Amino acid sequence: NNTLILGPGGFRFGDYWRLGLPLEVLVVLVA
């Protein structure tokens, strides 16, 4: 799913971690 939005969202490789990293931290804290 991350790959699928790469082109339509105009993203670059390094754009995902900005939202993804705090989300993964949240997942650990909740899970």
PDB file of all heavy atoms in Angstrom:
ATOM      1  N   ASN A   1       0.817  -1.209   0.000  1.00  0.00           N
ATOM      2  CA  ASN A   1       0.000   0.000   0.000  1.00  0.00           C
ATOM      3  C   ASN A   1       0.853   1.262   0.000  1.00  0.00           C
ATOM      4  O   ASN A   1       0.460   2.279  -0.575  1.00  0.00           O
ATOM      5  CB  ASN A   1      -0.933  -0.003   1.218  1.00  0.00           C
ATOM      6  CG  ASN A   1      -2.108  -0.939   1.029  1.00  0.00           C
ATOM      7  OD1 ASN A   1      -2.118  -1.747   0.112  1.00  0.00           O
ATOM      8  ND2 ASN A   1      -3.093  -0.846   1.894  1.00  0.00           N
ATOM      9  N   ASN A   2       1.996   1.214   0.663  1.00  0.00           N
ATOM     10  CA  ASN A   2       2.911   2.359   0.629  1.00  0.00           C
ATOM     11  C   ASN A   2       3.416   2.599  -0.790  1.00  0.00           C
ATOM     12  O   ASN A   2       3.564   3.737  -1.234  1.00  0.00           O
ATOM     13  CB  ASN A   2       4.091   2.126   1.568  1.00  0.00           C
ATOM     14  CG  ASN A   2       3.686   2.066   3.023  1.00  0.00           C
ATOM     15  OD1 ASN A   2       2.549   2.358   3.369  1.00  0.00           O
ATOM     16  ND2 ASN A   2       4.607   1.676   3.889  1.00  0.00           N
ATOM     17  N   THR A   3       3.714   1.512  -1.494  1.00  0.00           N
ATOM     18  CA  THR A   3       4.187   1.623  -2.868  1.00  0.00           C
ATOM     19  C   THR A   3       3.104   2.183  -3.777  1.00  0.00           C
ATOM     20  O   THR A   3       3.372   2.991  -4.668  1.00  0.00           O
ATOM     21  CB  THR A   3       4.621   0.241  -3.384  1.00  0.00           C
ATOM     22  OG1 THR A   3       5.571  -0.332  -2.492  1.00  0.00           O
ATOM     23  CG2 THR A   3       5.244   0.340  -4.763  1.00  0.00           C
ATOM     24  N   LEU A   4       1.880   1.782  -3.540  1.00  0.00           N
ATOM     25  CA  LEU A   4       0.768   2.151  -4.403  1.00  0.00           C
ATOM     26  C   LEU A   4       0.499   3.653  -4.412  1.00  0.00           C
ATOM     27  O   LEU A   4       0.092   4.210  -5.434  1.00  0.00           O
ATOM     28  CB  LEU A   4      -0.487   1.396  -3.969  1.00  0.00           C
ATOM     29  CG  LEU A   4      -1.701   1.419  -4.896  1.00  0.00           C
ATOM     30  CD1 LEU A   4      -1.314   0.950  -6.295  1.00  0.00           C
ATOM     31  CD2 LEU A   4      -2.800   0.546  -4.332  1.00  0.00           C
ATOM     32  N   ILE A   5       0.758   4.338  -3.305  1.00  0.00           N
ATOM     33  CA  ILE A   5       0.485   5.781  -3.240  1.00  0.00           C
ATOM     34  C   ILE A   5       1.705   6.624  -3.596  1.00  0.00           C
ATOM     35  O   ILE A   5       1.629   7.858  -3.611  1.00  0.00           O
ATOM     36  CB  ILE A   5      -0.020   6.200  -1.841  1.00  0.00           C
ATOM     37  CG1 ILE A   5       1.066   5.968  -0.777  1.00  0.00           C
ATOM     38  CG2 ILE A   5      -1.304   5.472  -1.483  1.00  0.00           C
ATOM     39  CD1 ILE A   5       0.744   6.587   0.586  1.00  0.00           C
ATOM     40  N   LEU A   6       2.820   5.994  -3.897  1.00  0.00           N
ATOM     41  CA  LEU A   6       4.066   6.722  -4.141  1.00  0.00           C
ATOM     42  C   LEU A   6       3.917   7.719  -5.283  1.00  0.00           C
ATOM     43  O   LEU A   6       4.224   8.907  -5.147  1.00  0.00           O
ATOM     44  CB  LEU A   6       5.186   5.725  -4.445  1.00  0.00           C
ATOM     45  CG  LEU A   6       6.587   6.300  -4.674  1.00  0.00           C
ATOM     46  CD1 LEU A   6       7.097   6.983  -3.421  1.00  0.00           C
ATOM     47  CD2 LEU A   6       7.543   5.197  -5.106  1.00  0.00           C
ATOM     48  N   GLY A   7       3.435   7.253  -6.436  1.00  0.00           N
ATOM     49  CA  GLY A   7       3.266   8.134  -7.585  1.00  0.00           C
ATOM     50  C   GLY A   7       2.102   9.087  -7.447  1.00  0.00           C
ATOM     51  O   GLY A   7       2.264  10.305  -7.610  1.00  0.00           O
ATOM     52  N   PRO A   8       0.889   8.580  -7.163  1.00  0.00           N
ATOM     53  CA  PRO A   8      -0.263   9.484  -7.053  1.00  0.00           C
ATOM     54  C   PRO A   8      -0.111  10.561  -5.991  1.00  0.00           C
ATOM     55  O   PRO A   8      -0.664  11.650  -6.131  1.00  0.00           O
ATOM     56  CB  PRO A   8      -1.415   8.528  -6.702  1.00  0.00           C
ATOM     57  CG  PRO A   8      -1.000   7.209  -7.239  1.00  0.00           C
ATOM     58  CD  PRO A   8       0.489   7.172  -7.083  1.00  0.00           C
ATOM     59  N   GLY A   9       0.626  10.264  -4.926  1.00  0.00           N
ATOM     60  CA  GLY A   9       0.814  11.253  -3.873  1.00  0.00           C
ATOM     61  C   GLY A   9       1.968  12.193  -4.128  1.00  0.00           C
ATOM     62  O   GLY A   9       2.173  13.146  -3.369  1.00  0.00           O
ATOM     63  N   GLY A  10       2.745  11.926  -5.195  1.00  0.00           N
ATOM     64  CA  GLY A  10       3.913  12.750  -5.485  1.00  0.00           C
ATOM     65  C   GLY A  10       5.015  12.599  -4.461  1.00  0.00           C
ATOM     66  O   GLY A  10       5.848  13.495  -4.286  1.00  0.00           O
ATOM     67  N   PHE A  11       5.050  11.446  -3.766  1.00  0.00           N
ATOM     68  CA  PHE A  11       5.990  11.272  -2.655  1.00  0.00           C
ATOM     69  C   PHE A  11       7.397  10.936  -3.123  1.00  0.00           C
ATOM     70  O   PHE A  11       7.600  10.432  -4.231  1.00  0.00           O
ATOM     71  CB  PHE A  11       5.502  10.163  -1.714  1.00  0.00           C
ATOM     72  CG  PHE A  11       4.253  10.495  -0.960  1.00  0.00           C
ATOM     73  CD1 PHE A  11       3.119   9.706  -1.063  1.00  0.00           C
ATOM     74  CD2 PHE A  11       4.200  11.606  -0.140  1.00  0.00           C
ATOM     75  CE1 PHE A  11       1.964  10.001  -0.372  1.00  0.00           C
ATOM     76  CE2 PHE A  11       3.054  11.928   0.559  1.00  0.00           C
ATOM     77  CZ  PHE A  11       1.931  11.123   0.449  1.00  0.00           C
ATOM     78  N   ARG A  12       8.339  11.191  -2.244  1.00  0.00           N
ATOM     79  CA  ARG A  12       9.720  10.744  -2.394  1.00  0.00           C
ATOM     80  C   ARG A  12       9.988   9.681  -1.338  1.00  0.00           C
ATOM     81  O   ARG A  12       9.220   9.514  -0.388  1.00  0.00           O
ATOM     82  CB  ARG A  12      10.689  11.917  -2.234  1.00  0.00           C
ATOM     83  CG  ARG A  12      10.461  13.013  -3.262  1.00  0.00           C
ATOM     84  CD  ARG A  12      11.281  14.249  -2.953  1.00  0.00           C
ATOM     85  NE  ARG A  12      10.946  15.348  -3.861  1.00  0.00           N
ATOM     86  CZ  ARG A  12      11.358  16.598  -3.706  1.00  0.00           C
ATOM     87  NH1 ARG A  12      12.130  16.915  -2.670  1.00  0.00           N
ATOM     88  NH2 ARG A  12      11.008  17.532  -4.567  1.00  0.00           N
ATOM     89  N   PHE A  13      11.099   8.980  -1.505  1.00  0.00           N
ATOM     90  CA  PHE A  13      11.401   7.853  -0.621  1.00  0.00           C
ATOM     91  C   PHE A  13      11.417   8.275   0.845  1.00  0.00           C
ATOM     92  O   PHE A  13      10.937   7.562   1.720  1.00  0.00           O
ATOM     93  CB  PHE A  13      12.756   7.246  -1.006  1.00  0.00           C
ATOM     94  CG  PHE A  13      13.013   5.902  -0.383  1.00  0.00           C
ATOM     95  CD1 PHE A  13      12.710   4.741  -1.062  1.00  0.00           C
ATOM     96  CD2 PHE A  13      13.566   5.806   0.889  1.00  0.00           C
ATOM     97  CE1 PHE A  13      12.942   3.500  -0.488  1.00  0.00           C
ATOM     98  CE2 PHE A  13      13.802   4.577   1.461  1.00  0.00           C
ATOM     99  CZ  PHE A  13      13.491   3.417   0.771  1.00  0.00           C
ATOM    100  N   GLY A  14      11.959   9.457   1.132  1.00  0.00           N
ATOM    101  CA  GLY A  14      12.129   9.887   2.515  1.00  0.00           C
ATOM    102  C   GLY A  14      10.930  10.572   3.133  1.00  0.00           C
ATOM    103  O   GLY A  14      11.021  11.068   4.265  1.00  0.00           O
ATOM    104  N   ASP A  15       9.800  10.596   2.424  1.00  0.00           N
ATOM    105  CA  ASP A  15       8.628  11.301   2.946  1.00  0.00           C
ATOM    106  C   ASP A  15       7.828  10.481   3.958  1.00  0.00           C
ATOM    107  O   ASP A  15       7.047  11.047   4.738  1.00  0.00           O
ATOM    108  CB  ASP A  15       7.689  11.699   1.793  1.00  0.00           C
ATOM    109  CG  ASP A  15       8.254  12.842   0.960  1.00  0.00           C
ATOM    110  OD1 ASP A  15       9.141  13.558   1.474  1.00  0.00           O
ATOM    111  OD2 ASP A  15       7.818  13.011  -0.187  1.00  0.00           O
ATOM    112  N   TYR A  16       7.998   9.163   3.942  1.00  0.00           N
ATOM    113  CA  TYR A  16       7.113   8.307   4.728  1.00  0.00           C
ATOM    114  C   TYR A  16       7.417   8.343   6.224  1.00  0.00           C
ATOM    115  O   TYR A  16       6.522   8.230   7.054  1.00  0.00           O
ATOM    116  CB  TYR A  16       7.199   6.860   4.212  1.00  0.00           C
ATOM    117  CG  TYR A  16       6.537   6.664   2.878  1.00  0.00           C
ATOM    118  CD1 TYR A  16       7.133   7.095   1.706  1.00  0.00           C
ATOM    119  CD2 TYR A  16       5.305   6.028   2.770  1.00  0.00           C
ATOM    120  CE1 TYR A  16       6.531   6.927   0.474  1.00  0.00           C
ATOM    121  CE2 TYR A  16       4.689   5.843   1.541  1.00  0.00           C
ATOM    122  CZ  TYR A  16       5.306   6.296   0.403  1.00  0.00           C
ATOM    123  OH  TYR A  16       4.699   6.128  -0.816  1.00  0.00           O
ATOM    124  N   TRP A  17       8.683   8.468   6.572  1.00  0.00           N
ATOM    125  CA  TRP A  17       9.057   8.342   7.983  1.00  0.00           C
ATOM    126  C   TRP A  17       8.523   9.483   8.850  1.00  0.00           C
ATOM    127  O   TRP A  17       8.353   9.323  10.051  1.00  0.00           O
ATOM    128  CB  TRP A  17      10.582   8.258   8.131  1.00  0.00           C
ATOM    129  CG  TRP A  17      11.297   9.542   7.827  1.00  0.00           C
ATOM    130  CD1 TRP A  17      11.812   9.937   6.634  1.00  0.00           C
ATOM    131  CD2 TRP A  17      11.590  10.598   8.747  1.00  0.00           C
ATOM    132  NE1 TRP A  17      12.389  11.181   6.731  1.00  0.00           N
ATOM    133  CE2 TRP A  17      12.271  11.606   8.023  1.00  0.00           C
ATOM    134  CE3 TRP A  17      11.335  10.803  10.101  1.00  0.00           C
ATOM    135  CZ2 TRP A  17      12.705  12.785   8.618  1.00  0.00           C
ATOM    136  CZ3 TRP A  17      11.770  11.994  10.689  1.00  0.00           C
ATOM    137  CH2 TRP A  17      12.452  12.956   9.956  1.00  0.00           C
ATOM    138  N   ARG A  18       8.219  10.608   8.254  1.00  0.00           N
ATOM    139  CA  ARG A  18       7.773  11.761   9.046  1.00  0.00           C
ATOM    140  C   ARG A  18       6.470  11.453   9.783  1.00  0.00           C
ATOM    141  O   ARG A  18       6.300  11.841  10.942  1.00  0.00           O
ATOM    142  CB  ARG A  18       7.588  12.982   8.137  1.00  0.00           C
ATOM    143  CG  ARG A  18       8.846  13.367   7.388  1.00  0.00           C
ATOM    144  CD  ARG A  18       8.638  14.622   6.561  1.00  0.00           C
ATOM    145  NE  ARG A  18       9.780  14.885   5.691  1.00  0.00           N
ATOM    146  CZ  ARG A  18       9.924  15.978   4.948  1.00  0.00           C
ATOM    147  NH1 ARG A  18       8.985  16.922   4.993  1.00  0.00           N
ATOM    148  NH2 ARG A  18      10.978  16.140   4.187  1.00  0.00           N
ATOM    149  N   LEU A  19       5.560  10.786   9.121  1.00  0.00           N
ATOM    150  CA  LEU A  19       4.340  10.327   9.782  1.00  0.00           C
ATOM    151  C   LEU A  19       4.504   8.905  10.291  1.00  0.00           C
ATOM    152  O   LEU A  19       3.957   8.534  11.333  1.00  0.00           O
ATOM    153  CB  LEU A  19       3.151  10.401   8.816  1.00  0.00           C
ATOM    154  CG  LEU A  19       1.781   9.997   9.369  1.00  0.00           C
ATOM    155  CD1 LEU A  19       1.343  10.944  10.494  1.00  0.00           C
ATOM    156  CD2 LEU A  19       0.731   9.987   8.265  1.00  0.00           C
ATOM    157  N   GLY A  20       5.282   8.099   9.557  1.00  0.00           N
ATOM    158  CA  GLY A  20       5.425   6.678   9.891  1.00  0.00           C
ATOM    159  C   GLY A  20       6.172   6.405  11.172  1.00  0.00           C
ATOM    160  O   GLY A  20       5.804   5.503  11.940  1.00  0.00           O
ATOM    161  N   LEU A  21       7.243   7.172  11.451  1.00  0.00           N
ATOM    162  CA  LEU A  21       8.043   6.907  12.646  1.00  0.00           C
ATOM    163  C   LEU A  21       7.258   7.173  13.930  1.00  0.00           C
ATOM    164  O   LEU A  21       7.206   6.298  14.809  1.00  0.00           O
ATOM    165  CB  LEU A  21       9.334   7.735  12.619  1.00  0.00           C
ATOM    166  CG  LEU A  21      10.285   7.522  13.800  1.00  0.00           C
ATOM    167  CD1 LEU A  21      10.708   6.063  13.896  1.00  0.00           C
ATOM    168  CD2 LEU A  21      11.509   8.431  13.669  1.00  0.00           C
ATOM    169  N   PRO A  22       6.637   8.345  14.097  1.00  0.00           N
ATOM    170  CA  PRO A  22       5.828   8.527  15.318  1.00  0.00           C
ATOM    171  C   PRO A  22       4.660   7.548  15.389  1.00  0.00           C
ATOM    172  O   PRO A  22       4.251   7.152  16.483  1.00  0.00           O
ATOM    173  CB  PRO A  22       5.345   9.972  15.227  1.00  0.00           C
ATOM    174  CG  PRO A  22       5.559  10.400  13.825  1.00  0.00           C
ATOM    175  CD  PRO A  22       6.699   9.590  13.307  1.00  0.00           C
ATOM    176  N   LEU A  23       4.129   7.133  14.246  1.00  0.00           N
ATOM    177  CA  LEU A  23       3.051   6.139  14.252  1.00  0.00           C
ATOM    178  C   LEU A  23       3.557   4.803  14.776  1.00  0.00           C
ATOM    179  O   LEU A  23       2.879   4.133  15.565  1.00  0.00           O
ATOM    180  CB  LEU A  23       2.471   5.983  12.844  1.00  0.00           C
ATOM    181  CG  LEU A  23       1.369   4.926  12.681  1.00  0.00           C
ATOM    182  CD1 LEU A  23       0.199   5.208  13.618  1.00  0.00           C
ATOM    183  CD2 LEU A  23       0.898   4.880  11.221  1.00  0.00           C
ATOM    184  N   GLU A  24       4.752   4.392  14.372  1.00  0.00           N
ATOM    185  CA  GLU A  24       5.309   3.129  14.857  1.00  0.00           C
ATOM    186  C   GLU A  24       5.610   3.205  16.353  1.00  0.00           C
ATOM    187  O   GLU A  24       5.434   2.222  17.078  1.00  0.00           O
ATOM    188  CB  GLU A  24       6.561   2.756  14.062  1.00  0.00           C
ATOM    189  CG  GLU A  24       6.249   2.371  12.619  1.00  0.00           C
ATOM    190  CD  GLU A  24       7.368   1.599  11.957  1.00  0.00           C
ATOM    191  OE1 GLU A  24       8.430   1.397  12.609  1.00  0.00           O
ATOM    192  OE2 GLU A  24       7.204   1.181  10.795  1.00  0.00           O
ATOM    193  N   VAL A  25       6.069   4.361  16.816  1.00  0.00           N
ATOM    194  CA  VAL A  25       6.281   4.539  18.257  1.00  0.00           C
ATOM    195  C   VAL A  25       4.957   4.403  18.999  1.00  0.00           C
ATOM    196  O   VAL A  25       4.867   3.733  20.046  1.00  0.00           O
ATOM    197  CB  VAL A  25       6.928   5.913  18.547  1.00  0.00           C
ATOM    198  CG1 VAL A  25       6.965   6.167  20.052  1.00  0.00           C
ATOM    199  CG2 VAL A  25       8.334   5.979  17.960  1.00  0.00           C
ATOM    200  N   LEU A  26       3.911   5.014  18.447  1.00  0.00           N
ATOM    201  CA  LEU A  26       2.583   4.901  19.055  1.00  0.00           C
ATOM    202  C   LEU A  26       2.112   3.445  19.085  1.00  0.00           C
ATOM    203  O   LEU A  26       1.538   2.991  20.086  1.00  0.00           O
ATOM    204  CB  LEU A  26       1.585   5.755  18.278  1.00  0.00           C
ATOM    205  CG  LEU A  26       0.120   5.658  18.724  1.00  0.00           C
ATOM    206  CD1 LEU A  26      -0.051   6.285  20.112  1.00  0.00           C
ATOM    207  CD2 LEU A  26      -0.802   6.338  17.715  1.00  0.00           C
ATOM    208  N   VAL A  27       2.355   2.707  18.013  1.00  0.00           N
ATOM    209  CA  VAL A  27       1.952   1.296  17.955  1.00  0.00           C
ATOM    210  C   VAL A  27       2.617   0.508  19.080  1.00  0.00           C
ATOM    211  O   VAL A  27       1.973  -0.298  19.759  1.00  0.00           O
ATOM    212  CB  VAL A  27       2.299   0.691  16.581  1.00  0.00           C
ATOM    213  CG1 VAL A  27       2.158  -0.829  16.613  1.00  0.00           C
ATOM    214  CG2 VAL A  27       1.389   1.267  15.504  1.00  0.00           C
ATOM    215  N   VAL A  28       3.902   0.742  19.305  1.00  0.00           N
ATOM    216  CA  VAL A  28       4.613   0.030  20.375  1.00  0.00           C
ATOM    217  C   VAL A  28       4.023   0.399  21.738  1.00  0.00           C
ATOM    218  O   VAL A  28       3.772  -0.481  22.588  1.00  0.00           O
ATOM    219  CB  VAL A  28       6.122   0.356  20.337  1.00  0.00           C
ATOM    220  CG1 VAL A  28       6.828  -0.257  21.547  1.00  0.00           C
ATOM    221  CG2 VAL A  28       6.742  -0.179  19.048  1.00  0.00           C
ATOM    222  N   LEU A  29       3.786   1.689  21.940  1.00  0.00           N
ATOM    223  CA  LEU A  29       3.264   2.138  23.234  1.00  0.00           C
ATOM    224  C   LEU A  29       1.861   1.599  23.510  1.00  0.00           C
ATOM    225  O   LEU A  29       1.508   1.339  24.671  1.00  0.00           O
ATOM    226  CB  LEU A  29       3.236   3.668  23.278  1.00  0.00           C
ATOM    227  CG  LEU A  29       4.610   4.364  23.235  1.00  0.00           C
ATOM    228  CD1 LEU A  29       4.443   5.882  23.206  1.00  0.00           C
ATOM    229  CD2 LEU A  29       5.461   3.951  24.432  1.00  0.00           C
ATOM    230  N   VAL A  30       1.056   1.428  22.479  1.00  0.00           N
ATOM    231  CA  VAL A  30      -0.302   0.911  22.661  1.00  0.00           C
ATOM    232  C   VAL A  30      -0.325  -0.611  22.664  1.00  0.00           C
ATOM    233  O   VAL A  30      -1.031  -1.242  23.471  1.00  0.00           O
ATOM    234  CB  VAL A  30      -1.229   1.455  21.546  1.00  0.00           C
ATOM    235  CG1 VAL A  30      -2.611   0.798  21.627  1.00  0.00           C
ATOM    236  CG2 VAL A  30      -1.366   2.962  21.645  1.00  0.00           C
ATOM    237  N   ALA A  31       0.454  -1.228  21.780  1.00  0.00           N
ATOM    238  CA  ALA A  31       0.367  -2.676  21.591  1.00  0.00           C
ATOM    239  C   ALA A  31       0.925  -3.459  22.771  1.00  0.00           C
ATOM    240  O   ALA A  31       0.346  -4.487  23.170  1.00  0.00           O
ATOM    241  CB  ALA A  31       1.095  -3.075  20.305  1.00  0.00           C
TER     242      ALA A  31
END
